[in-house]
Amino acid sequence: MNLILENNYIFFEGEYFQQLKGVAMGAACAPLYANLVLLGWETKYVFQSEPFLLNVIYYGRFLDDIFILWNGGSDQIPEFIQYLNKTTDFLKFTFQFHKQEINFLDTKIIKAQDRYISKIYRKNTFCNSYLHFNSHHPISQKKKYYKGSGYKNSPDDNFEK
């Protein structure tokens, strides 16, 4: 792994540059490396974060995007984020707080009376771009991407709710 982390070079405007921190974006090992690093970090700092942990009723993560359902007071959230930011210099945490609905990745999560409902969410920058089939992603991932794109990129009224 050190060979990969210490030998990341890019060519830009006729010059070579070495990446000094982190793993190269797009490297085959990048998602695994990110998951391992964050697993160690969250085990040490999130899951041991008394008294904050008492307010976390759900914790989910996709790579470096974290989703938390919070049961404590809204005034404690900035304090929790400040705590998280003090634990690391390789991550910078921001947060969005809403009582009824929130967007996470490409999902809108809505709090109903007795349950949560999910819908497709598209960012303002959504451009309907596709994964190039000659990319270095595993073939199984490419097939799933195109299959999923058929649903994600269709108008919402094409599906029964």
N, C-alpha and C. Protein backbone atom coordinates (compact mmCIF):
# COMPACT_ATOMS: atom_id res chain seq x y z
N MET A 1 0.81 -1.18 0.00
CA MET A 1 0.00 0.00 0.00
C MET A 1 0.87 1.26 0.00
N ASN A 2 1.99 1.23 0.71
CA ASN A 2 2.87 2.40 0.70
C ASN A 2 3.37 2.72 -0.70
N LEU A 3 3.63 1.70 -1.50
CA LEU A 3 4.07 1.93 -2.88
C LEU A 3 3.04 2.77 -3.63
N ILE A 4 1.76 2.46 -3.44
CA ILE A 4 0.69 3.20 -4.11
C ILE A 4 0.55 4.60 -3.53
N LEU A 5 0.58 4.71 -2.20
CA LEU A 5 0.36 6.00 -1.56
C LEU A 5 1.51 6.98 -1.78
N GLU A 6 2.71 6.47 -1.94
CA GLU A 6 3.88 7.35 -2.07
C GLU A 6 4.30 7.62 -3.51
N ASN A 7 3.59 7.05 -4.48
CA ASN A 7 3.98 7.21 -5.88
C ASN A 7 2.81 7.61 -6.77
N ASN A 8 2.08 8.63 -6.32
CA ASN A 8 0.97 9.17 -7.10
C ASN A 8 1.44 10.42 -7.83
N TYR A 9 1.44 10.35 -9.15
CA TYR A 9 1.88 11.48 -9.96
C TYR A 9 0.79 11.84 -10.95
N ILE A 10 0.69 13.14 -11.23
CA ILE A 10 -0.22 13.60 -12.27
C ILE A 10 0.57 14.48 -13.23
N PHE A 11 0.09 14.55 -14.44
CA PHE A 11 0.70 15.41 -15.46
C PHE A 11 -0.30 16.49 -15.78
N PHE A 12 0.08 17.75 -15.56
CA PHE A 12 -0.83 18.86 -15.75
C PHE A 12 -0.09 20.02 -16.41
N GLU A 13 -0.62 20.48 -17.53
CA GLU A 13 -0.06 21.60 -18.28
C GLU A 13 1.45 21.45 -18.49
N GLY A 14 1.84 20.26 -18.90
CA GLY A 14 3.23 20.02 -19.27
C GLY A 14 4.17 19.74 -18.11
N GLU A 15 3.65 19.63 -16.89
CA GLU A 15 4.50 19.37 -15.74
C GLU A 15 3.97 18.18 -14.93
N TYR A 16 4.89 17.48 -14.27
CA TYR A 16 4.52 16.38 -13.39
C TYR A 16 4.46 16.89 -11.96
N PHE A 17 3.45 16.41 -11.22
CA PHE A 17 3.29 16.76 -9.82
C PHE A 17 3.08 15.47 -9.03
N GLN A 18 3.66 15.43 -7.82
CA GLN A 18 3.46 14.28 -6.95
C GLN A 18 2.41 14.63 -5.90
N GLN A 19 1.45 13.73 -5.72
CA GLN A 19 0.45 13.89 -4.68
C GLN A 19 1.09 13.50 -3.36
N LEU A 20 1.06 14.39 -2.37
CA LEU A 20 1.76 14.16 -1.12
C LEU A 20 0.90 13.54 -0.02
N LYS A 21 -0.41 13.68 -0.12
CA LYS A 21 -1.30 13.14 0.91
C LYS A 21 -2.41 12.34 0.27
N GLY A 22 -2.82 11.27 0.92
CA GLY A 22 -3.98 10.51 0.50
C GLY A 22 -3.71 9.57 -0.66
N VAL A 23 -4.79 8.95 -1.11
CA VAL A 23 -4.72 7.99 -2.19
C VAL A 23 -5.28 8.66 -3.45
N ALA A 24 -4.75 8.27 -4.60
CA ALA A 24 -5.18 8.89 -5.86
C ALA A 24 -6.64 8.59 -6.13
N MET A 25 -7.38 9.62 -6.51
CA MET A 25 -8.77 9.43 -6.88
C MET A 25 -8.82 8.53 -8.12
N GLY A 26 -9.70 7.56 -8.09
CA GLY A 26 -9.82 6.66 -9.22
C GLY A 26 -8.94 5.43 -9.11
N ALA A 27 -8.02 5.41 -8.15
CA ALA A 27 -7.18 4.22 -7.95
C ALA A 27 -8.07 3.06 -7.53
N ALA A 28 -7.78 1.88 -8.02
CA ALA A 28 -8.61 0.71 -7.71
C ALA A 28 -8.71 0.46 -6.21
N CYS A 29 -7.67 0.79 -5.48
CA CYS A 29 -7.67 0.54 -4.03
C CYS A 29 -8.27 1.68 -3.23
N ALA A 30 -8.63 2.80 -3.86
CA ALA A 30 -9.09 3.99 -3.14
C ALA A 30 -10.32 3.74 -2.26
N PRO A 31 -11.38 3.11 -2.76
CA PRO A 31 -12.54 2.88 -1.88
C PRO A 31 -12.21 1.97 -0.69
N LEU A 32 -11.45 0.92 -0.92
CA LEU A 32 -11.07 0.02 0.17
C LEU A 32 -10.22 0.76 1.20
N TYR A 33 -9.25 1.52 0.72
CA TYR A 33 -8.38 2.28 1.62
C TYR A 33 -9.20 3.29 2.43
N ALA A 34 -10.09 4.02 1.76
CA ALA A 34 -10.93 5.00 2.46
C ALA A 34 -11.78 4.31 3.52
N ASN A 35 -12.36 3.17 3.19
CA ASN A 35 -13.18 2.45 4.16
C ASN A 35 -12.36 1.98 5.36
N LEU A 36 -11.16 1.48 5.12
CA LEU A 36 -10.33 1.03 6.23
C LEU A 36 -9.91 2.18 7.13
N VAL A 37 -9.49 3.28 6.52
CA VAL A 37 -9.08 4.45 7.30
C VAL A 37 -10.25 4.97 8.13
N LEU A 38 -11.41 5.10 7.50
CA LEU A 38 -12.57 5.63 8.22
C LEU A 38 -13.11 4.66 9.25
N LEU A 39 -13.00 3.37 8.99
CA LEU A 39 -13.42 2.38 9.99
C LEU A 39 -12.61 2.54 11.27
N GLY A 40 -11.30 2.68 11.12
CA GLY A 40 -10.45 2.90 12.30
C GLY A 40 -10.79 4.19 13.01
N TRP A 41 -11.00 5.25 12.22
CA TRP A 41 -11.30 6.56 12.79
C TRP A 41 -12.66 6.54 13.52
N GLU A 42 -13.70 6.01 12.87
CA GLU A 42 -15.03 6.05 13.49
C GLU A 42 -15.10 5.14 14.71
N THR A 43 -14.39 4.03 14.69
CA THR A 43 -14.37 3.13 15.86
C THR A 43 -13.77 3.85 17.06
N LYS A 44 -12.73 4.60 16.82
CA LYS A 44 -12.04 5.29 17.92
C LYS A 44 -12.77 6.55 18.38
N TYR A 45 -13.31 7.32 17.43
CA TYR A 45 -13.84 8.64 17.79
C TYR A 45 -15.36 8.76 17.77
N VAL A 46 -16.04 8.10 16.86
CA VAL A 46 -17.49 8.24 16.80
C VAL A 46 -18.16 7.29 17.78
N PHE A 47 -17.79 6.02 17.73
CA PHE A 47 -18.46 5.02 18.55
C PHE A 47 -18.02 5.05 20.01
N GLN A 48 -17.07 5.92 20.34
CA GLN A 48 -16.64 6.09 21.72
C GLN A 48 -16.89 7.52 22.19
N SER A 49 -17.77 8.24 21.51
CA SER A 49 -17.94 9.69 21.74
C SER A 49 -19.01 10.00 22.77
N GLU A 50 -18.87 9.47 23.97
CA GLU A 50 -19.82 9.81 25.04
C GLU A 50 -19.66 11.29 25.33
N PRO A 51 -20.68 12.06 25.56
CA PRO A 51 -22.09 11.72 25.63
C PRO A 51 -22.81 11.80 24.29
N PHE A 52 -22.10 12.19 23.22
CA PHE A 52 -22.77 12.37 21.92
C PHE A 52 -23.40 11.08 21.41
N LEU A 53 -22.74 9.96 21.59
CA LEU A 53 -23.21 8.69 21.05
C LEU A 53 -24.63 8.35 21.54
N LEU A 54 -24.98 8.81 22.71
CA LEU A 54 -26.32 8.56 23.24
C LEU A 54 -27.41 9.19 22.38
N ASN A 55 -27.06 10.22 21.60
CA ASN A 55 -28.03 10.91 20.75
C ASN A 55 -28.10 10.35 19.33
N VAL A 56 -27.20 9.46 18.99
CA VAL A 56 -27.17 8.89 17.64
C VAL A 56 -28.08 7.67 17.60
N ILE A 57 -29.20 7.78 16.85
CA ILE A 57 -30.10 6.63 16.76
C ILE A 57 -29.85 5.83 15.48
N TYR A 58 -29.14 6.45 14.53
CA TYR A 58 -28.73 5.72 13.32
C TYR A 58 -27.45 6.36 12.80
N TYR A 59 -26.49 5.53 12.44
CA TYR A 59 -25.24 5.98 11.84
C TYR A 59 -24.99 5.14 10.60
N GLY A 60 -24.84 5.80 9.47
CA GLY A 60 -24.54 5.11 8.22
C GLY A 60 -23.47 5.88 7.47
N ARG A 61 -22.68 5.16 6.69
CA ARG A 61 -21.59 5.82 5.97
C ARG A 61 -21.40 5.16 4.62
N PHE A 62 -21.17 5.98 3.59
CA PHE A 62 -20.73 5.52 2.29
C PHE A 62 -19.43 6.25 2.01
N LEU A 63 -18.31 5.52 2.03
CA LEU A 63 -16.97 6.09 1.91
C LEU A 63 -16.81 7.21 2.93
N ASP A 64 -16.75 8.47 2.51
CA ASP A 64 -16.57 9.55 3.48
C ASP A 64 -17.83 10.40 3.67
N ASP A 65 -18.95 9.93 3.19
CA ASP A 65 -20.23 10.61 3.41
C ASP A 65 -20.96 9.89 4.55
N ILE A 66 -21.27 10.66 5.58
CA ILE A 66 -21.86 10.09 6.79
C ILE A 66 -23.29 10.60 6.96
N PHE A 67 -24.19 9.70 7.35
CA PHE A 67 -25.58 10.03 7.59
C PHE A 67 -25.91 9.64 9.03
N ILE A 68 -26.42 10.59 9.80
CA ILE A 68 -26.75 10.34 11.21
C ILE A 68 -28.16 10.80 11.48
N LEU A 69 -28.95 9.95 12.13
CA LEU A 69 -30.24 10.37 12.69
C LEU A 69 -29.96 10.71 14.15
N TRP A 70 -30.32 11.91 14.54
CA TRP A 70 -29.94 12.48 15.84
C TRP A 70 -31.18 12.64 16.70
N ASN A 71 -31.10 12.17 17.93
CA ASN A 71 -32.23 12.23 18.85
C ASN A 71 -32.05 13.29 19.92
N GLY A 72 -30.90 13.95 19.94
CA GLY A 72 -30.64 14.97 20.96
C GLY A 72 -31.11 16.34 20.51
N GLY A 73 -30.75 17.32 21.28
CA GLY A 73 -31.12 18.69 20.95
C GLY A 73 -30.33 19.21 19.76
N SER A 74 -30.97 20.06 18.96
CA SER A 74 -30.29 20.60 17.78
C SER A 74 -29.12 21.49 18.18
N ASP A 75 -29.12 22.02 19.40
CA ASP A 75 -28.01 22.85 19.86
C ASP A 75 -26.74 22.03 20.12
N GLN A 76 -26.86 20.71 20.25
CA GLN A 76 -25.70 19.85 20.49
C GLN A 76 -24.99 19.43 19.20
N ILE A 77 -25.65 19.57 18.06
CA ILE A 77 -25.06 19.12 16.79
C ILE A 77 -23.79 19.88 16.44
N PRO A 78 -23.79 21.23 16.48
CA PRO A 78 -22.53 21.93 16.17
C PRO A 78 -21.38 21.53 17.10
N GLU A 79 -21.71 21.26 18.36
CA GLU A 79 -20.71 20.83 19.33
C GLU A 79 -20.14 19.45 18.93
N PHE A 80 -21.01 18.56 18.47
CA PHE A 80 -20.58 17.23 18.02
C PHE A 80 -19.69 17.35 16.78
N ILE A 81 -20.07 18.18 15.83
CA ILE A 81 -19.27 18.38 14.61
C ILE A 81 -17.92 18.99 14.97
N GLN A 82 -17.90 19.92 15.89
CA GLN A 82 -16.64 20.52 16.33
C GLN A 82 -15.74 19.45 16.96
N TYR A 83 -16.33 18.58 17.77
CA TYR A 83 -15.58 17.46 18.35
C TYR A 83 -14.98 16.59 17.25
N LEU A 84 -15.80 16.21 16.24
CA LEU A 84 -15.31 15.36 15.16
C LEU A 84 -14.16 16.04 14.41
N ASN A 85 -14.29 17.31 14.13
CA ASN A 85 -13.25 18.03 13.39
C ASN A 85 -11.94 18.11 14.17
N LYS A 86 -12.00 18.07 15.48
CA LYS A 86 -10.78 18.11 16.30
C LYS A 86 -10.05 16.77 16.32
N THR A 87 -10.72 15.70 15.88
CA THR A 87 -10.13 14.36 15.95
C THR A 87 -9.21 14.03 14.78
N THR A 88 -9.25 14.83 13.72
CA THR A 88 -8.50 14.48 12.52
C THR A 88 -8.10 15.72 11.73
N ASP A 89 -6.99 15.61 11.02
CA ASP A 89 -6.59 16.69 10.12
C ASP A 89 -6.78 16.28 8.66
N PHE A 90 -7.23 15.05 8.42
CA PHE A 90 -7.42 14.60 7.03
C PHE A 90 -8.89 14.61 6.61
N LEU A 91 -9.78 14.97 7.51
CA LEU A 91 -11.20 15.11 7.19
C LEU A 91 -11.70 16.45 7.69
N LYS A 92 -12.66 17.02 6.99
CA LYS A 92 -13.31 18.25 7.42
C LYS A 92 -14.81 17.99 7.39
N PHE A 93 -15.45 18.06 8.54
CA PHE A 93 -16.87 17.74 8.64
C PHE A 93 -17.72 18.99 8.53
N THR A 94 -18.76 18.87 7.76
CA THR A 94 -19.81 19.88 7.68
C THR A 94 -21.11 19.14 7.98
N PHE A 95 -22.19 19.88 8.13
CA PHE A 95 -23.45 19.18 8.39
C PHE A 95 -24.63 19.96 7.84
N GLN A 96 -25.67 19.22 7.60
CA GLN A 96 -26.98 19.78 7.28
C GLN A 96 -27.95 19.22 8.31
N PHE A 97 -28.79 20.07 8.80
CA PHE A 97 -29.75 19.64 9.81
C PHE A 97 -31.14 20.07 9.38
N HIS A 98 -32.04 19.13 9.32
CA HIS A 98 -33.44 19.40 8.99
C HIS A 98 -34.30 18.46 9.81
N LYS A 99 -35.44 18.94 10.25
CA LYS A 99 -36.32 18.11 11.08
C LYS A 99 -37.23 17.21 10.28
N GLN A 100 -37.57 17.57 9.03
CA GLN A 100 -38.55 16.79 8.27
C GLN A 100 -37.96 16.03 7.08
N GLU A 101 -36.96 16.58 6.41
CA GLU A 101 -36.39 15.88 5.26
C GLU A 101 -34.94 16.31 5.05
N ILE A 102 -34.17 15.41 4.46
CA ILE A 102 -32.75 15.71 4.20
C ILE A 102 -32.29 14.91 2.99
N ASN A 103 -31.30 15.46 2.30
CA ASN A 103 -30.73 14.78 1.13
C ASN A 103 -29.40 14.14 1.53
N PHE A 104 -29.24 12.90 1.11
CA PHE A 104 -27.98 12.18 1.35
C PHE A 104 -27.64 11.43 0.07
N LEU A 105 -26.49 11.78 -0.50
CA LEU A 105 -26.07 11.24 -1.79
C LEU A 105 -27.18 11.52 -2.81
N ASP A 106 -27.75 10.52 -3.43
CA ASP A 106 -28.81 10.78 -4.41
C ASP A 106 -30.19 10.36 -3.88
N THR A 107 -30.34 10.46 -2.55
CA THR A 107 -31.59 10.07 -1.91
C THR A 107 -32.13 11.21 -1.05
N LYS A 108 -33.42 11.47 -1.17
CA LYS A 108 -34.10 12.41 -0.28
C LYS A 108 -34.83 11.55 0.75
N ILE A 109 -34.58 11.80 2.03
CA ILE A 109 -35.19 11.03 3.11
C ILE A 109 -36.18 11.95 3.82
N ILE A 110 -37.42 11.49 3.89
CA ILE A 110 -38.51 12.30 4.44
C ILE A 110 -39.06 11.61 5.67
N LYS A 111 -39.21 12.37 6.74
CA LYS A 111 -39.78 11.82 7.98
C LYS A 111 -41.29 11.93 7.91
N ALA A 112 -41.95 10.79 7.90
CA ALA A 112 -43.41 10.75 7.94
C ALA A 112 -43.83 10.57 9.40
N GLN A 113 -45.11 10.35 9.64
CA GLN A 113 -45.58 10.23 11.02
C GLN A 113 -44.91 9.08 11.77
N ASP A 114 -44.89 7.90 11.15
CA ASP A 114 -44.38 6.73 11.86
C ASP A 114 -43.29 5.99 11.09
N ARG A 115 -42.73 6.62 10.06
CA ARG A 115 -41.73 5.95 9.23
C ARG A 115 -40.96 6.98 8.43
N TYR A 116 -39.97 6.50 7.71
CA TYR A 116 -39.19 7.33 6.80
C TYR A 116 -39.47 6.90 5.37
N ILE A 117 -39.56 7.87 4.48
CA ILE A 117 -39.81 7.61 3.06
C ILE A 117 -38.59 8.11 2.29
N SER A 118 -38.19 7.37 1.27
CA SER A 118 -37.06 7.81 0.45
C SER A 118 -37.52 8.08 -0.98
N LYS A 119 -36.91 9.08 -1.58
CA LYS A 119 -37.16 9.44 -2.97
C LYS A 119 -35.82 9.74 -3.63
N ILE A 120 -35.82 9.78 -4.94
CA ILE A 120 -34.61 10.14 -5.67
C ILE A 120 -34.35 11.63 -5.50
N TYR A 121 -33.10 11.98 -5.25
CA TYR A 121 -32.69 13.37 -5.14
C TYR A 121 -31.63 13.65 -6.20
N ARG A 122 -31.79 14.75 -6.90
CA ARG A 122 -30.80 15.17 -7.89
C ARG A 122 -30.27 16.53 -7.49
N LYS A 123 -28.95 16.64 -7.37
CA LYS A 123 -28.33 17.91 -7.05
C LYS A 123 -28.54 18.90 -8.19
N ASN A 124 -28.37 20.18 -7.88
CA ASN A 124 -28.49 21.22 -8.91
C ASN A 124 -27.47 21.02 -10.02
N THR A 125 -26.35 20.38 -9.70
CA THR A 125 -25.29 20.16 -10.69
C THR A 125 -25.48 18.86 -11.47
N PHE A 126 -26.59 18.15 -11.25
CA PHE A 126 -26.86 16.90 -11.95
C PHE A 126 -26.81 17.12 -13.46
N CYS A 127 -26.01 16.31 -14.16
CA CYS A 127 -25.85 16.51 -15.61
C CYS A 127 -26.10 15.23 -16.40
N ASN A 128 -26.58 14.17 -15.73
CA ASN A 128 -26.92 12.94 -16.42
C ASN A 128 -25.72 12.34 -17.16
N SER A 129 -24.53 12.48 -16.56
CA SER A 129 -23.33 11.93 -17.21
C SER A 129 -23.21 10.44 -16.88
N TYR A 130 -22.49 9.75 -17.70
CA TYR A 130 -22.38 8.30 -17.56
C TYR A 130 -20.96 7.86 -17.27
N LEU A 131 -20.84 6.70 -16.68
CA LEU A 131 -19.56 6.06 -16.44
C LEU A 131 -19.04 5.52 -17.77
N HIS A 132 -17.85 5.92 -18.15
CA HIS A 132 -17.28 5.45 -19.41
C HIS A 132 -17.00 3.96 -19.30
N PHE A 133 -17.44 3.20 -20.30
CA PHE A 133 -17.32 1.75 -20.21
C PHE A 133 -15.87 1.28 -20.25
N ASN A 134 -14.94 2.09 -20.75
CA ASN A 134 -13.53 1.72 -20.79
C ASN A 134 -12.78 2.16 -19.53
N SER A 135 -13.51 2.64 -18.52
CA SER A 135 -12.86 3.03 -17.26
C SER A 135 -12.34 1.77 -16.56
N HIS A 136 -11.61 1.97 -15.49
CA HIS A 136 -11.00 0.84 -14.77
C HIS A 136 -11.89 0.28 -13.67
N HIS A 137 -13.18 0.56 -13.73
CA HIS A 137 -14.11 0.00 -12.76
C HIS A 137 -14.35 -1.48 -13.10
N PRO A 138 -14.62 -2.30 -12.09
CA PRO A 138 -14.92 -3.72 -12.36
C PRO A 138 -16.14 -3.84 -13.28
N ILE A 139 -16.14 -4.84 -14.14
CA ILE A 139 -17.22 -5.03 -15.11
C ILE A 139 -18.57 -5.18 -14.42
N SER A 140 -18.60 -5.85 -13.27
CA SER A 140 -19.87 -6.01 -12.55
C SER A 140 -20.42 -4.65 -12.12
N GLN A 141 -19.54 -3.74 -11.71
CA GLN A 141 -19.97 -2.41 -11.31
C GLN A 141 -20.51 -1.62 -12.51
N LYS A 142 -19.87 -1.76 -13.66
CA LYS A 142 -20.32 -1.07 -14.86
C LYS A 142 -21.72 -1.54 -15.26
N LYS A 143 -21.94 -2.85 -15.22
CA LYS A 143 -23.25 -3.39 -15.58
C LYS A 143 -24.33 -2.88 -14.63
N LYS A 144 -24.02 -2.87 -13.34
CA LYS A 144 -24.99 -2.39 -12.35
C LYS A 144 -25.25 -0.90 -12.52
N TYR A 145 -24.21 -0.16 -12.88
CA TYR A 145 -24.36 1.28 -13.07
C TYR A 145 -25.37 1.56 -14.19
N TYR A 146 -25.20 0.89 -15.31
CA TYR A 146 -26.10 1.13 -16.44
C TYR A 146 -27.52 0.65 -16.14
N LYS A 147 -27.63 -0.45 -15.43
CA LYS A 147 -28.96 -0.93 -15.05
C LYS A 147 -29.63 0.07 -14.11
N GLY A 148 -28.89 0.55 -13.11
CA GLY A 148 -29.42 1.52 -12.17
C GLY A 148 -29.70 2.86 -12.81
N SER A 149 -28.92 3.23 -13.81
CA SER A 149 -29.12 4.51 -14.49
C SER A 149 -30.47 4.57 -15.18
N GLY A 150 -30.93 3.44 -15.64
CA GLY A 150 -32.24 3.41 -16.29
C GLY A 150 -33.32 3.86 -15.34
N TYR A 151 -33.21 3.50 -14.08
CA TYR A 151 -34.19 3.92 -13.09
C TYR A 151 -33.92 5.35 -12.63
N LYS A 152 -32.66 5.64 -12.25
CA LYS A 152 -32.32 6.96 -11.70
C LYS A 152 -32.56 8.09 -12.68
N ASN A 153 -32.32 7.85 -13.96
CA ASN A 153 -32.39 8.92 -14.94
C ASN A 153 -33.74 9.02 -15.63
N SER A 154 -34.69 8.23 -15.18
CA SER A 154 -36.04 8.29 -15.75
C SER A 154 -36.86 9.31 -14.98
N PRO A 155 -37.82 9.94 -15.64
CA PRO A 155 -38.70 10.86 -14.91
C PRO A 155 -39.41 10.13 -13.78
N ASP A 156 -39.62 10.82 -12.68
CA ASP A 156 -40.25 10.20 -11.51
C ASP A 156 -41.63 9.65 -11.81
N ASP A 157 -42.34 10.22 -12.79
CA ASP A 157 -43.70 9.75 -13.06
C ASP A 157 -43.74 8.45 -13.86
N ASN A 158 -42.57 7.88 -14.17
CA ASN A 158 -42.54 6.59 -14.86
C ASN A 158 -42.67 5.42 -13.88
N PHE A 159 -42.69 5.73 -12.59
CA PHE A 159 -42.70 4.68 -11.58
C PHE A 159 -43.83 4.92 -10.60
N GLU A 160 -44.44 3.84 -10.19
CA GLU A 160 -45.49 3.91 -9.20
C GLU A 160 -44.89 4.09 -7.83
N LYS A 161 -45.50 4.92 -7.02
CA LYS A 161 -44.97 5.17 -5.66
C LYS A 161 -45.67 4.29 -4.66
